[in-house]
N, C-alpha and C. Protein backbone atom coordinates (compact mmCIF):
# COMPACT_ATOMS: atom_id res chain seq x y z
N MET A 1 -12.72 -19.13 4.15
CA MET A 1 -12.47 -17.71 4.03
C MET A 1 -12.71 -17.04 5.37
N ILE A 2 -11.93 -15.98 5.62
CA ILE A 2 -12.12 -15.19 6.84
C ILE A 2 -13.37 -14.38 6.64
N ASN A 3 -14.33 -14.53 7.54
CA ASN A 3 -15.57 -13.78 7.35
C ASN A 3 -16.23 -13.53 8.69
N HIS A 4 -16.21 -12.29 9.10
CA HIS A 4 -16.91 -11.84 10.30
C HIS A 4 -16.53 -12.65 11.54
N MET A 5 -15.24 -12.97 11.68
CA MET A 5 -14.75 -13.64 12.87
C MET A 5 -14.35 -12.56 13.87
N THR A 6 -14.33 -12.91 15.12
CA THR A 6 -13.97 -11.92 16.13
C THR A 6 -12.48 -11.94 16.43
N GLU A 7 -11.80 -13.06 16.26
CA GLU A 7 -10.36 -13.10 16.53
C GLU A 7 -9.58 -12.60 15.32
N LEU A 8 -8.31 -12.29 15.55
CA LEU A 8 -7.45 -11.85 14.47
C LEU A 8 -7.09 -13.04 13.60
N PRO A 9 -6.94 -12.82 12.30
CA PRO A 9 -6.60 -13.93 11.41
C PRO A 9 -5.14 -14.33 11.57
N SER A 10 -4.86 -15.60 11.35
CA SER A 10 -3.46 -16.02 11.25
C SER A 10 -2.97 -15.55 9.88
N LEU A 11 -1.69 -15.43 9.73
CA LEU A 11 -1.12 -15.02 8.45
C LEU A 11 -1.52 -16.00 7.35
N GLU A 12 -1.46 -17.27 7.63
CA GLU A 12 -1.80 -18.30 6.64
C GLU A 12 -3.27 -18.22 6.23
N ALA A 13 -4.16 -18.03 7.19
CA ALA A 13 -5.58 -17.93 6.89
C ALA A 13 -5.87 -16.67 6.07
N PHE A 14 -5.20 -15.58 6.40
CA PHE A 14 -5.42 -14.34 5.67
C PHE A 14 -4.96 -14.48 4.21
N VAL A 15 -3.77 -14.99 4.00
CA VAL A 15 -3.25 -15.16 2.63
C VAL A 15 -4.15 -16.11 1.84
N ALA A 16 -4.62 -17.17 2.45
CA ALA A 16 -5.55 -18.09 1.77
C ALA A 16 -6.85 -17.37 1.39
N ALA A 17 -7.33 -16.51 2.28
CA ALA A 17 -8.57 -15.77 2.00
C ALA A 17 -8.35 -14.78 0.85
N VAL A 18 -7.19 -14.14 0.80
CA VAL A 18 -6.89 -13.24 -0.32
C VAL A 18 -6.84 -14.02 -1.62
N ARG A 19 -6.17 -15.18 -1.62
CA ARG A 19 -6.11 -16.03 -2.83
C ARG A 19 -7.51 -16.38 -3.31
N HIS A 20 -8.36 -16.75 -2.38
CA HIS A 20 -9.75 -17.10 -2.72
C HIS A 20 -10.48 -15.89 -3.30
N ALA A 21 -10.31 -14.73 -2.70
CA ALA A 21 -11.00 -13.53 -3.17
C ALA A 21 -10.57 -13.14 -4.58
N VAL A 22 -9.27 -13.14 -4.86
CA VAL A 22 -8.80 -12.69 -6.17
C VAL A 22 -9.05 -13.73 -7.26
N ALA A 23 -9.33 -14.97 -6.89
CA ALA A 23 -9.60 -16.01 -7.88
C ALA A 23 -11.08 -16.09 -8.26
N GLY A 24 -11.95 -15.38 -7.55
CA GLY A 24 -13.39 -15.47 -7.76
C GLY A 24 -13.88 -14.64 -8.94
N PRO A 25 -15.17 -14.68 -9.18
CA PRO A 25 -15.77 -13.99 -10.33
C PRO A 25 -15.76 -12.46 -10.22
N ASP A 26 -15.71 -11.91 -9.01
CA ASP A 26 -15.68 -10.47 -8.80
C ASP A 26 -14.58 -10.16 -7.78
N PRO A 27 -13.31 -10.25 -8.21
CA PRO A 27 -12.21 -10.14 -7.25
C PRO A 27 -12.14 -8.80 -6.53
N GLN A 28 -12.46 -7.69 -7.20
CA GLN A 28 -12.40 -6.38 -6.54
C GLN A 28 -13.40 -6.33 -5.37
N ARG A 29 -14.60 -6.77 -5.62
CA ARG A 29 -15.64 -6.74 -4.57
C ARG A 29 -15.30 -7.71 -3.44
N ALA A 30 -14.89 -8.93 -3.80
CA ALA A 30 -14.57 -9.93 -2.78
C ALA A 30 -13.40 -9.48 -1.90
N LEU A 31 -12.39 -8.89 -2.52
CA LEU A 31 -11.25 -8.43 -1.74
C LEU A 31 -11.64 -7.26 -0.85
N ARG A 32 -12.46 -6.35 -1.34
CA ARG A 32 -12.91 -5.22 -0.52
C ARG A 32 -13.65 -5.72 0.73
N VAL A 33 -14.55 -6.68 0.55
CA VAL A 33 -15.31 -7.24 1.69
C VAL A 33 -14.34 -7.86 2.70
N LEU A 34 -13.39 -8.63 2.20
CA LEU A 34 -12.40 -9.26 3.08
C LEU A 34 -11.59 -8.21 3.83
N LEU A 35 -11.08 -7.22 3.11
CA LEU A 35 -10.24 -6.21 3.76
C LEU A 35 -11.03 -5.34 4.73
N GLU A 36 -12.27 -5.02 4.41
CA GLU A 36 -13.10 -4.26 5.35
C GLU A 36 -13.27 -5.03 6.66
N ASP A 37 -13.48 -6.33 6.57
CA ASP A 37 -13.64 -7.15 7.77
C ASP A 37 -12.34 -7.19 8.59
N VAL A 38 -11.22 -7.40 7.91
CA VAL A 38 -9.94 -7.48 8.61
C VAL A 38 -9.58 -6.13 9.23
N VAL A 39 -9.78 -5.04 8.49
CA VAL A 39 -9.48 -3.71 9.02
C VAL A 39 -10.34 -3.40 10.23
N ARG A 40 -11.60 -3.78 10.18
CA ARG A 40 -12.50 -3.55 11.32
C ARG A 40 -11.94 -4.24 12.56
N ARG A 41 -11.43 -5.46 12.40
CA ARG A 41 -10.92 -6.21 13.56
C ARG A 41 -9.55 -5.73 14.03
N LEU A 42 -8.74 -5.19 13.09
CA LEU A 42 -7.39 -4.74 13.46
C LEU A 42 -7.35 -3.30 13.96
N HIS A 43 -8.32 -2.50 13.57
CA HIS A 43 -8.33 -1.08 13.95
C HIS A 43 -8.43 -0.91 15.47
N GLY A 44 -7.66 0.04 15.97
CA GLY A 44 -7.71 0.34 17.40
C GLY A 44 -6.71 -0.42 18.23
N ARG A 45 -5.98 -1.32 17.62
CA ARG A 45 -4.94 -2.04 18.37
C ARG A 45 -3.78 -1.09 18.66
N SER A 46 -3.06 -1.35 19.74
CA SER A 46 -1.92 -0.50 20.07
C SER A 46 -0.66 -0.89 19.29
N GLN A 47 -0.64 -2.09 18.75
CA GLN A 47 0.51 -2.58 17.98
C GLN A 47 0.03 -3.07 16.61
N PRO A 48 0.93 -3.02 15.60
CA PRO A 48 0.55 -3.59 14.30
C PRO A 48 0.25 -5.08 14.42
N TRP A 49 -0.53 -5.58 13.48
CA TRP A 49 -0.90 -6.99 13.43
C TRP A 49 0.33 -7.86 13.31
N LEU A 50 1.29 -7.47 12.48
CA LEU A 50 2.52 -8.23 12.27
C LEU A 50 3.71 -7.35 12.62
N ALA A 51 4.65 -7.89 13.37
CA ALA A 51 5.86 -7.17 13.70
C ALA A 51 6.96 -7.55 12.71
N HIS A 52 7.70 -6.55 12.23
CA HIS A 52 8.82 -6.82 11.31
C HIS A 52 9.80 -5.68 11.36
N VAL A 53 11.01 -5.96 10.91
CA VAL A 53 12.06 -4.95 10.81
C VAL A 53 11.86 -4.20 9.50
N GLY A 54 11.98 -2.90 9.52
CA GLY A 54 11.78 -2.11 8.31
C GLY A 54 10.31 -1.82 8.09
N ASP A 55 10.04 -1.00 7.07
CA ASP A 55 8.68 -0.55 6.83
C ASP A 55 7.82 -1.56 6.10
N GLU A 56 8.39 -2.52 5.41
CA GLU A 56 7.55 -3.45 4.65
C GLU A 56 7.97 -4.90 4.82
N MET A 57 6.96 -5.76 4.71
CA MET A 57 7.18 -7.20 4.81
C MET A 57 6.33 -7.87 3.73
N LEU A 58 6.99 -8.58 2.82
CA LEU A 58 6.28 -9.33 1.79
C LEU A 58 5.65 -10.55 2.43
N LEU A 59 4.32 -10.68 2.27
CA LEU A 59 3.60 -11.82 2.86
C LEU A 59 3.37 -12.93 1.85
N ALA A 60 3.14 -12.56 0.58
CA ALA A 60 2.88 -13.58 -0.46
C ALA A 60 2.99 -12.92 -1.82
N ALA A 61 3.46 -13.69 -2.80
CA ALA A 61 3.49 -13.22 -4.19
C ALA A 61 3.24 -14.41 -5.10
N THR A 62 2.20 -14.28 -5.93
CA THR A 62 1.88 -15.27 -6.96
C THR A 62 1.58 -14.49 -8.23
N SER A 63 1.30 -15.17 -9.31
CA SER A 63 0.97 -14.47 -10.56
C SER A 63 -0.35 -13.70 -10.43
N GLU A 64 -1.21 -14.08 -9.49
CA GLU A 64 -2.51 -13.43 -9.32
C GLU A 64 -2.53 -12.32 -8.28
N MET A 65 -1.55 -12.32 -7.35
CA MET A 65 -1.61 -11.35 -6.26
C MET A 65 -0.26 -11.21 -5.57
N THR A 66 -0.09 -10.04 -4.95
CA THR A 66 1.05 -9.79 -4.07
C THR A 66 0.48 -9.12 -2.82
N VAL A 67 0.94 -9.56 -1.66
CA VAL A 67 0.44 -9.02 -0.40
C VAL A 67 1.63 -8.57 0.45
N TYR A 68 1.56 -7.32 0.88
CA TYR A 68 2.57 -6.74 1.78
C TYR A 68 1.88 -6.26 3.05
N HIS A 69 2.62 -6.29 4.15
CA HIS A 69 2.23 -5.57 5.36
C HIS A 69 3.21 -4.41 5.45
N ILE A 70 2.68 -3.18 5.52
CA ILE A 70 3.53 -2.00 5.49
C ILE A 70 3.22 -1.10 6.67
N THR A 71 4.28 -0.72 7.38
CA THR A 71 4.18 0.24 8.48
C THR A 71 5.03 1.45 8.08
N LEU A 72 4.38 2.58 7.86
CA LEU A 72 5.11 3.79 7.46
C LEU A 72 5.55 4.57 8.69
N SER A 73 6.82 4.90 8.72
CA SER A 73 7.36 5.74 9.79
C SER A 73 6.84 7.16 9.61
N PRO A 74 6.58 7.86 10.69
CA PRO A 74 6.07 9.23 10.58
C PRO A 74 7.05 10.16 9.84
N GLY A 75 6.49 10.99 8.96
CA GLY A 75 7.24 12.05 8.32
C GLY A 75 8.15 11.68 7.18
N ILE A 76 8.21 10.41 6.78
CA ILE A 76 9.08 10.01 5.68
C ILE A 76 8.25 9.94 4.40
N HIS A 77 8.59 10.76 3.41
CA HIS A 77 7.88 10.81 2.14
C HIS A 77 8.61 9.92 1.14
N TYR A 78 7.95 8.87 0.70
CA TYR A 78 8.53 7.92 -0.24
C TYR A 78 8.28 8.41 -1.66
N PRO A 79 9.21 8.20 -2.58
CA PRO A 79 9.15 8.82 -3.90
C PRO A 79 8.03 8.28 -4.78
N PRO A 80 7.67 9.04 -5.82
CA PRO A 80 6.63 8.60 -6.76
C PRO A 80 7.05 7.31 -7.48
N HIS A 81 6.06 6.46 -7.64
CA HIS A 81 6.28 5.18 -8.31
C HIS A 81 4.96 4.70 -8.88
N ASP A 82 5.02 3.73 -9.76
CA ASP A 82 3.80 3.12 -10.27
C ASP A 82 3.81 1.64 -9.93
N HIS A 83 2.66 1.00 -10.12
CA HIS A 83 2.54 -0.43 -9.85
C HIS A 83 2.20 -1.22 -11.11
N ARG A 84 1.53 -0.56 -12.06
CA ARG A 84 1.10 -1.16 -13.33
C ARG A 84 0.13 -2.32 -13.12
N MET A 85 -0.57 -2.27 -12.01
CA MET A 85 -1.65 -3.21 -11.70
C MET A 85 -2.51 -2.56 -10.62
N SER A 86 -3.77 -2.95 -10.56
CA SER A 86 -4.67 -2.43 -9.53
C SER A 86 -4.21 -2.88 -8.15
N ALA A 87 -4.58 -2.09 -7.15
CA ALA A 87 -4.20 -2.42 -5.78
C ALA A 87 -5.27 -1.92 -4.82
N MET A 88 -5.32 -2.55 -3.64
CA MET A 88 -6.15 -2.08 -2.53
C MET A 88 -5.26 -1.97 -1.31
N ILE A 89 -5.40 -0.84 -0.64
CA ILE A 89 -4.62 -0.56 0.57
C ILE A 89 -5.60 -0.53 1.74
N ALA A 90 -5.40 -1.40 2.70
CA ALA A 90 -6.27 -1.49 3.87
C ALA A 90 -5.53 -0.90 5.07
N LEU A 91 -5.77 0.38 5.32
CA LEU A 91 -5.13 1.10 6.42
C LEU A 91 -5.89 0.82 7.71
N TYR A 92 -5.24 0.20 8.68
CA TYR A 92 -5.94 -0.12 9.93
C TYR A 92 -5.38 0.60 11.14
N GLN A 93 -4.28 1.35 10.94
CA GLN A 93 -3.69 2.06 12.07
C GLN A 93 -3.03 3.34 11.55
N GLY A 94 -3.37 4.48 12.13
CA GLY A 94 -2.70 5.72 11.78
C GLY A 94 -3.25 6.43 10.57
N THR A 95 -2.37 7.19 9.91
CA THR A 95 -2.76 7.98 8.75
C THR A 95 -1.79 7.74 7.61
N GLU A 96 -2.26 8.03 6.40
CA GLU A 96 -1.42 7.95 5.22
C GLU A 96 -1.91 8.98 4.22
N THR A 97 -0.99 9.70 3.62
CA THR A 97 -1.30 10.64 2.56
C THR A 97 -0.68 10.13 1.27
N SER A 98 -1.49 10.09 0.23
CA SER A 98 -1.04 9.64 -1.09
C SER A 98 -1.16 10.82 -2.05
N PHE A 99 -0.06 11.12 -2.72
CA PHE A 99 -0.05 12.17 -3.74
C PHE A 99 -0.13 11.51 -5.11
N ALA A 100 -1.11 11.91 -5.91
CA ALA A 100 -1.29 11.35 -7.26
C ALA A 100 -0.65 12.28 -8.28
N TYR A 101 0.03 11.69 -9.26
CA TYR A 101 0.75 12.44 -10.28
C TYR A 101 0.29 12.02 -11.67
N ARG A 102 0.59 12.89 -12.65
CA ARG A 102 0.42 12.53 -14.06
C ARG A 102 1.74 12.80 -14.75
N ARG A 103 1.96 12.08 -15.83
CA ARG A 103 3.18 12.27 -16.61
C ARG A 103 3.14 13.58 -17.38
N SER A 104 4.30 14.20 -17.49
CA SER A 104 4.49 15.36 -18.35
C SER A 104 5.87 15.16 -18.98
N GLY A 105 5.89 14.49 -20.13
CA GLY A 105 7.17 14.06 -20.71
C GLY A 105 7.76 12.98 -19.83
N ARG A 106 9.03 13.14 -19.46
CA ARG A 106 9.67 12.17 -18.56
C ARG A 106 9.50 12.54 -17.09
N SER A 107 8.99 13.72 -16.82
CA SER A 107 8.80 14.15 -15.44
C SER A 107 7.34 13.99 -15.02
N LEU A 108 7.04 14.38 -13.80
CA LEU A 108 5.69 14.25 -13.23
C LEU A 108 5.16 15.60 -12.79
N VAL A 109 3.83 15.69 -12.76
CA VAL A 109 3.14 16.87 -12.25
C VAL A 109 2.17 16.38 -11.18
N LEU A 110 2.19 17.02 -10.02
CA LEU A 110 1.28 16.68 -8.93
C LEU A 110 -0.15 17.03 -9.33
N GLU A 111 -1.07 16.07 -9.17
CA GLU A 111 -2.48 16.30 -9.51
C GLU A 111 -3.39 16.41 -8.30
N GLN A 112 -3.27 15.46 -7.35
CA GLN A 112 -4.18 15.42 -6.21
C GLN A 112 -3.48 14.91 -4.96
N ARG A 113 -4.07 15.26 -3.84
CA ARG A 113 -3.64 14.75 -2.54
C ARG A 113 -4.82 14.04 -1.92
N HIS A 114 -4.57 12.82 -1.42
CA HIS A 114 -5.61 12.04 -0.76
C HIS A 114 -5.13 11.71 0.65
N ASP A 115 -5.89 12.14 1.66
CA ASP A 115 -5.56 11.85 3.05
C ASP A 115 -6.46 10.74 3.57
N PHE A 116 -5.86 9.73 4.17
CA PHE A 116 -6.59 8.59 4.70
C PHE A 116 -6.31 8.46 6.19
N THR A 117 -7.34 8.13 6.95
CA THR A 117 -7.22 7.86 8.38
C THR A 117 -7.85 6.49 8.63
N ALA A 118 -7.17 5.67 9.41
CA ALA A 118 -7.68 4.33 9.72
C ALA A 118 -8.98 4.45 10.49
N PRO A 119 -9.91 3.56 10.25
CA PRO A 119 -9.87 2.46 9.28
C PRO A 119 -10.36 2.93 7.91
N SER A 120 -9.64 2.56 6.87
CA SER A 120 -10.09 2.90 5.52
C SER A 120 -9.46 1.97 4.48
N ILE A 121 -10.14 1.90 3.34
CA ILE A 121 -9.66 1.11 2.21
C ILE A 121 -9.49 2.07 1.04
N ALA A 122 -8.31 2.08 0.45
CA ALA A 122 -8.05 2.90 -0.75
C ALA A 122 -7.85 1.96 -1.93
N THR A 123 -8.39 2.35 -3.06
CA THR A 123 -8.23 1.58 -4.29
C THR A 123 -7.38 2.38 -5.27
N LEU A 124 -6.37 1.74 -5.82
CA LEU A 124 -5.51 2.38 -6.82
C LEU A 124 -5.72 1.69 -8.16
N PRO A 125 -5.99 2.47 -9.22
CA PRO A 125 -6.11 1.87 -10.55
C PRO A 125 -4.73 1.45 -11.07
N ALA A 126 -4.72 0.62 -12.09
CA ALA A 126 -3.47 0.10 -12.63
C ALA A 126 -2.54 1.19 -13.16
N ASP A 127 -3.09 2.31 -13.60
CA ASP A 127 -2.25 3.37 -14.17
C ASP A 127 -1.86 4.44 -13.16
N ALA A 128 -2.12 4.22 -11.88
CA ALA A 128 -1.79 5.22 -10.85
C ALA A 128 -0.28 5.40 -10.70
N ILE A 129 0.11 6.65 -10.52
CA ILE A 129 1.47 7.01 -10.12
C ILE A 129 1.29 7.81 -8.84
N HIS A 130 1.92 7.36 -7.76
CA HIS A 130 1.71 8.04 -6.48
C HIS A 130 2.95 7.99 -5.61
N SER A 131 2.97 8.87 -4.62
CA SER A 131 3.97 8.83 -3.56
C SER A 131 3.19 8.80 -2.25
N VAL A 132 3.83 8.34 -1.19
CA VAL A 132 3.12 8.21 0.09
C VAL A 132 3.96 8.77 1.24
N VAL A 133 3.23 9.27 2.24
CA VAL A 133 3.85 9.76 3.46
C VAL A 133 2.86 9.57 4.61
N ASN A 134 3.38 9.30 5.78
CA ASN A 134 2.58 9.25 6.99
C ASN A 134 2.84 10.57 7.71
N LEU A 135 1.86 11.47 7.69
CA LEU A 135 2.01 12.77 8.34
C LEU A 135 1.58 12.76 9.80
N GLY A 136 1.21 11.59 10.32
CA GLY A 136 0.83 11.47 11.72
C GLY A 136 2.04 11.43 12.64
N ALA A 137 1.77 11.30 13.93
CA ALA A 137 2.83 11.28 14.94
C ALA A 137 3.32 9.86 15.26
N ALA A 138 2.55 8.85 14.87
CA ALA A 138 2.90 7.46 15.16
C ALA A 138 2.95 6.66 13.87
N PRO A 139 3.64 5.53 13.86
CA PRO A 139 3.68 4.71 12.65
C PRO A 139 2.27 4.30 12.21
N SER A 140 2.08 4.21 10.92
CA SER A 140 0.82 3.68 10.38
C SER A 140 1.01 2.20 10.09
N ALA A 141 -0.08 1.50 9.87
CA ALA A 141 0.00 0.08 9.52
C ALA A 141 -1.10 -0.24 8.52
N ALA A 142 -0.72 -0.96 7.46
CA ALA A 142 -1.67 -1.27 6.39
C ALA A 142 -1.30 -2.57 5.71
N ILE A 143 -2.31 -3.16 5.11
CA ILE A 143 -2.14 -4.34 4.27
C ILE A 143 -2.32 -3.87 2.83
N HIS A 144 -1.34 -4.15 1.98
CA HIS A 144 -1.39 -3.77 0.56
C HIS A 144 -1.57 -5.04 -0.26
N VAL A 145 -2.60 -5.06 -1.09
CA VAL A 145 -2.83 -6.22 -1.96
C VAL A 145 -2.83 -5.71 -3.40
N TYR A 146 -1.99 -6.31 -4.23
CA TYR A 146 -1.86 -5.97 -5.64
C TYR A 146 -2.43 -7.12 -6.47
N PHE A 147 -3.09 -6.78 -7.56
CA PHE A 147 -3.74 -7.78 -8.42
C PHE A 147 -2.76 -8.28 -9.47
N GLY A 148 -1.70 -8.93 -9.03
CA GLY A 148 -0.66 -9.49 -9.89
C GLY A 148 0.62 -9.63 -9.08
N ASP A 149 1.68 -10.06 -9.74
CA ASP A 149 2.96 -10.26 -9.05
C ASP A 149 3.80 -8.98 -9.14
N LEU A 150 3.70 -8.15 -8.13
CA LEU A 150 4.42 -6.88 -8.08
C LEU A 150 5.93 -7.09 -8.03
N THR A 151 6.37 -8.23 -7.54
CA THR A 151 7.81 -8.49 -7.41
C THR A 151 8.48 -8.80 -8.74
N ARG A 152 7.68 -9.07 -9.77
CA ARG A 152 8.26 -9.48 -11.06
C ARG A 152 7.95 -8.53 -12.21
N ILE A 153 7.09 -7.57 -12.03
CA ILE A 153 6.69 -6.69 -13.12
C ILE A 153 7.69 -5.53 -13.27
N ALA A 154 7.96 -5.15 -14.50
CA ALA A 154 8.79 -3.98 -14.77
C ALA A 154 7.93 -2.74 -14.53
N ARG A 155 8.40 -1.85 -13.68
CA ARG A 155 7.66 -0.64 -13.36
C ARG A 155 8.62 0.51 -13.16
N SER A 156 8.10 1.70 -12.85
CA SER A 156 8.94 2.90 -12.79
C SER A 156 8.94 3.55 -11.43
N ILE A 157 9.99 4.35 -11.22
CA ILE A 157 10.13 5.19 -10.04
C ILE A 157 10.74 6.51 -10.52
N TRP A 158 10.44 7.59 -9.79
CA TRP A 158 10.97 8.89 -10.12
C TRP A 158 11.83 9.38 -8.96
N ASP A 159 12.79 10.24 -9.26
CA ASP A 159 13.61 10.81 -8.20
C ASP A 159 12.79 11.82 -7.40
N ALA A 160 13.35 12.28 -6.31
CA ALA A 160 12.61 13.14 -5.37
C ALA A 160 12.16 14.46 -6.00
N ASP A 161 12.86 14.95 -7.03
CA ASP A 161 12.42 16.21 -7.65
C ASP A 161 11.49 16.00 -8.84
N LEU A 162 11.01 14.77 -9.04
CA LEU A 162 9.99 14.40 -10.04
C LEU A 162 10.47 14.51 -11.49
N SER A 163 11.75 14.65 -11.72
CA SER A 163 12.22 14.94 -13.07
C SER A 163 12.75 13.74 -13.84
N GLU A 164 13.06 12.66 -13.19
CA GLU A 164 13.70 11.56 -13.89
C GLU A 164 13.03 10.22 -13.62
N GLU A 165 12.42 9.63 -14.64
CA GLU A 165 11.83 8.29 -14.56
C GLU A 165 12.92 7.26 -14.80
N GLN A 166 12.87 6.19 -14.03
CA GLN A 166 13.82 5.10 -14.23
C GLN A 166 13.17 3.79 -13.79
N PRO A 167 13.75 2.66 -14.16
CA PRO A 167 13.18 1.37 -13.71
C PRO A 167 13.15 1.31 -12.19
N PHE A 168 12.06 0.75 -11.66
CA PHE A 168 11.91 0.65 -10.20
C PHE A 168 13.04 -0.18 -9.61
N ASP A 169 13.58 0.33 -8.51
CA ASP A 169 14.61 -0.35 -7.75
C ASP A 169 14.33 -0.08 -6.27
N ASN A 170 14.21 -1.14 -5.49
CA ASN A 170 13.85 -0.99 -4.07
C ASN A 170 14.88 -0.17 -3.30
N ASP A 171 16.16 -0.37 -3.57
CA ASP A 171 17.20 0.40 -2.88
C ASP A 171 17.07 1.88 -3.19
N PHE A 172 16.82 2.22 -4.47
CA PHE A 172 16.63 3.61 -4.87
C PHE A 172 15.39 4.19 -4.20
N TYR A 173 14.33 3.38 -4.10
CA TYR A 173 13.08 3.80 -3.46
C TYR A 173 13.36 4.30 -2.04
N PHE A 174 14.08 3.51 -1.27
CA PHE A 174 14.35 3.90 0.12
C PHE A 174 15.38 5.03 0.18
N ALA A 175 16.34 5.07 -0.75
CA ALA A 175 17.35 6.14 -0.76
C ALA A 175 16.73 7.50 -1.10
N GLN A 176 15.64 7.52 -1.88
CA GLN A 176 14.99 8.77 -2.27
C GLN A 176 13.98 9.27 -1.23
N ALA A 177 13.70 8.48 -0.21
CA ALA A 177 12.75 8.89 0.83
C ALA A 177 13.30 10.13 1.55
N ARG A 178 12.39 11.11 1.78
CA ARG A 178 12.76 12.37 2.40
C ARG A 178 11.84 12.70 3.56
N ARG A 179 12.39 13.41 4.56
CA ARG A 179 11.57 13.85 5.70
C ARG A 179 10.63 14.95 5.23
N MET A 180 9.37 14.85 5.68
CA MET A 180 8.33 15.83 5.30
C MET A 180 7.53 16.16 6.54
N GLY A 181 7.17 17.43 6.71
CA GLY A 181 6.40 17.84 7.87
C GLY A 181 4.91 17.95 7.56
N ALA A 182 4.08 18.12 8.59
CA ALA A 182 2.63 18.20 8.44
C ALA A 182 2.20 19.42 7.63
N GLY A 183 3.00 20.48 7.58
CA GLY A 183 2.64 21.68 6.82
C GLY A 183 2.98 21.61 5.35
N ASP A 184 3.72 20.58 4.91
CA ASP A 184 4.12 20.45 3.49
C ASP A 184 2.99 20.08 2.58
């Protein structure tokens, strides 16, 4: 397991450490410890840990976990969606704002705004519905770990005006993304 090392983890070592953490007797605690260590080592770098085209890169997906590396472009607000499983977001570069919603019939109502600045770890419960935006001036970078196979679960997404729930579709997710300013 990756534990208090000074060098950056290899992708393979990190995914193995996540597998080990989520398979243990207290997966939430073990994963938090792992992510806190990795975020501490990655924070302050001038470049993201992993380079990729687009905002997200799937690192691993099994029945027990899904791991993404996500870099959010500044000012793009991604639409509300759910995951239907718990998740931890390890933000190691930049800022991220998450808007939490509750259902009101088939539409959504905004409940809370959570602003995160690296380094930080955010925990999302399985019933969370949220949208995300990077209101900073530079791309953010984070590791997202879900407690299950996010690539195979049926989940929902809402359109940009919060009025229509539909089955999650990645193309629709990116098509509904809208530019948002710091004053919004």
